[in-house]
Amino acid sequence: MAEKVIDVRSLAPPQRHPLIFGTYDALAAGESFFLVNDHDPKPLYYQFMAEHPGEVGWQPQETGPERWVIRITRLAR
């Protein structure tokens, strides 16, 4: 089964994090999705690491300058 892709580039900034965290919360351990963004999601990375320490895999696939793609994995529940 193909992994889910969440492209937040067309969403208003206040809508992005709730969608991303909602998608993450629905994952079982070992599942992942691809996040597509129009800027470096470094603040999101720090938020994930603070709220879910040791539970999140963060693997950049593309790193700009116009498009960032990150594979986000739920390592544990």
C-alpha atoms as a PDB file:
ATOM      1  CA  MET A   1       0.000   0.000   0.000  1.00  0.00           C
ATOM      2  CA  ALA A   2       1.348   3.441  -0.914  1.00  0.00           C
ATOM      3  CA  GLU A   3       2.105   5.818   1.914  1.00  0.00           C
ATOM      4  CA  LYS A   4      -0.161   8.810   2.355  1.00  0.00           C
ATOM      5  CA  VAL A   5       1.006  12.190   1.052  1.00  0.00           C
ATOM      6  CA  ILE A   6      -0.066  15.366   2.868  1.00  0.00           C
ATOM      7  CA  ASP A   7       0.602  18.432   0.716  1.00  0.00           C
ATOM      8  CA  VAL A   8       0.002  21.505   2.871  1.00  0.00           C
ATOM      9  CA  ARG A   9       1.262  24.102   0.388  1.00  0.00           C
ATOM     10  CA  SER A  10      -2.236  25.258  -0.566  1.00  0.00           C
ATOM     11  CA  LEU A  11      -3.519  25.458   3.023  1.00  0.00           C
ATOM     12  CA  ALA A  12      -3.547  28.540   5.217  1.00  0.00           C
ATOM     13  CA  PRO A  13      -0.808  28.337   7.868  1.00  0.00           C
ATOM     14  CA  PRO A  14      -3.258  27.928  10.800  1.00  0.00           C
ATOM     15  CA  GLN A  15      -4.688  24.806   9.107  1.00  0.00           C
ATOM     16  CA  ARG A  16      -1.353  23.058   8.547  1.00  0.00           C
ATOM     17  CA  HIS A  17      -0.240  21.828  11.968  1.00  0.00           C
ATOM     18  CA  PRO A  18      -3.668  20.461  12.999  1.00  0.00           C
ATOM     19  CA  LEU A  19      -3.809  18.421   9.766  1.00  0.00           C
ATOM     20  CA  ILE A  20      -0.237  17.164  10.156  1.00  0.00           C
ATOM     21  CA  PHE A  21      -0.619  16.197  13.812  1.00  0.00           C
ATOM     22  CA  GLY A  22      -4.048  14.652  13.160  1.00  0.00           C
ATOM     23  CA  THR A  23      -2.530  12.518  10.411  1.00  0.00           C
ATOM     24  CA  TYR A  24       0.338  11.509  12.693  1.00  0.00           C
ATOM     25  CA  ASP A  25      -2.032  10.674  15.565  1.00  0.00           C
ATOM     26  CA  ALA A  26      -3.958   8.268  13.302  1.00  0.00           C
ATOM     27  CA  LEU A  27      -0.825   6.248  12.448  1.00  0.00           C
ATOM     28  CA  ALA A  28      -0.075   2.883  13.973  1.00  0.00           C
ATOM     29  CA  ALA A  29       3.488   2.198  15.103  1.00  0.00           C
ATOM     30  CA  GLY A  30       5.668   1.684  12.028  1.00  0.00           C
ATOM     31  CA  GLU A  31       3.386   3.630   9.671  1.00  0.00           C
ATOM     32  CA  SER A  32       4.400   6.864   7.994  1.00  0.00           C
ATOM     33  CA  PHE A  33       3.326   9.602   5.615  1.00  0.00           C
ATOM     34  CA  PHE A  34       5.029  12.131   3.381  1.00  0.00           C
ATOM     35  CA  LEU A  35       4.684  15.818   4.203  1.00  0.00           C
ATOM     36  CA  VAL A  36       5.067  18.258   1.292  1.00  0.00           C
ATOM     37  CA  ASN A  37       5.683  21.870   2.312  1.00  0.00           C
ATOM     38  CA  ASP A  38       6.739  25.172   0.721  1.00  0.00           C
ATOM     39  CA  HIS A  39       9.333  26.015   3.387  1.00  0.00           C
ATOM     40  CA  ASP A  40      11.724  24.220   5.701  1.00  0.00           C
ATOM     41  CA  PRO A  41       9.498  22.682   8.406  1.00  0.00           C
ATOM     42  CA  LYS A  42      12.143  23.056  11.147  1.00  0.00           C
ATOM     43  CA  PRO A  43       9.651  24.487  13.731  1.00  0.00           C
ATOM     44  CA  LEU A  44       7.393  21.486  13.088  1.00  0.00           C
ATOM     45  CA  TYR A  45      10.358  19.171  13.650  1.00  0.00           C
ATOM     46  CA  TYR A  46      11.058  20.775  17.029  1.00  0.00           C
ATOM     47  CA  GLN A  47       7.386  20.555  17.998  1.00  0.00           C
ATOM     48  CA  PHE A  48       7.297  16.836  17.130  1.00  0.00           C
ATOM     49  CA  MET A  49      10.485  16.171  19.117  1.00  0.00           C
ATOM     50  CA  ALA A  50       9.107  18.062  22.140  1.00  0.00           C
ATOM     51  CA  GLU A  51       5.636  16.493  22.112  1.00  0.00           C
ATOM     52  CA  HIS A  52       6.575  12.943  21.004  1.00  0.00           C
ATOM     53  CA  PRO A  53      10.169  12.329  22.161  1.00  0.00           C
ATOM     54  CA  GLY A  54      11.562   9.067  20.826  1.00  0.00           C
ATOM     55  CA  GLU A  55       8.359   8.298  18.921  1.00  0.00           C
ATOM     56  CA  VAL A  56       8.907  10.105  15.610  1.00  0.00           C
ATOM     57  CA  GLY A  57      11.075   9.319  12.609  1.00  0.00           C
ATOM     58  CA  TRP A  58      11.940  12.391  10.505  1.00  0.00           C
ATOM     59  CA  GLN A  59      13.537  11.647   7.139  1.00  0.00           C
ATOM     60  CA  PRO A  60      13.995  14.518   4.654  1.00  0.00           C
ATOM     61  CA  GLN A  61      13.460  13.402   1.057  1.00  0.00           C
ATOM     62  CA  GLU A  62      13.735  16.837  -0.620  1.00  0.00           C
ATOM     63  CA  THR A  63      15.159  19.958   1.018  1.00  0.00           C
ATOM     64  CA  GLY A  64      14.081  22.972  -1.006  1.00  0.00           C
ATOM     65  CA  PRO A  65      14.484  25.613  -2.020  1.00  0.00           C
ATOM     66  CA  GLU A  66      10.896  25.535  -3.373  1.00  0.00           C
ATOM     67  CA  ARG A  67       9.628  22.233  -2.012  1.00  0.00           C
ATOM     68  CA  TRP A  68      10.423  20.191   1.083  1.00  0.00           C
ATOM     69  CA  VAL A  69       9.332  16.571   1.427  1.00  0.00           C
ATOM     70  CA  ILE A  70       9.686  14.834   4.777  1.00  0.00           C
ATOM     71  CA  ARG A  71       8.816  11.233   5.587  1.00  0.00           C
ATOM     72  CA  ILE A  72       7.296  11.244   9.074  1.00  0.00           C
ATOM     73  CA  THR A  73       7.053   7.863  10.804  1.00  0.00           C
ATOM     74  CA  ARG A  74       5.406   6.882  14.068  1.00  0.00           C
ATOM     75  CA  LEU A  75       8.087   4.728  15.693  1.00  0.00           C
ATOM     76  CA  ALA A  76       6.095   3.928  18.835  1.00  0.00           C
ATOM     77  CA  ARG A  77       2.657   4.485  20.316  1.00  0.00           C
END
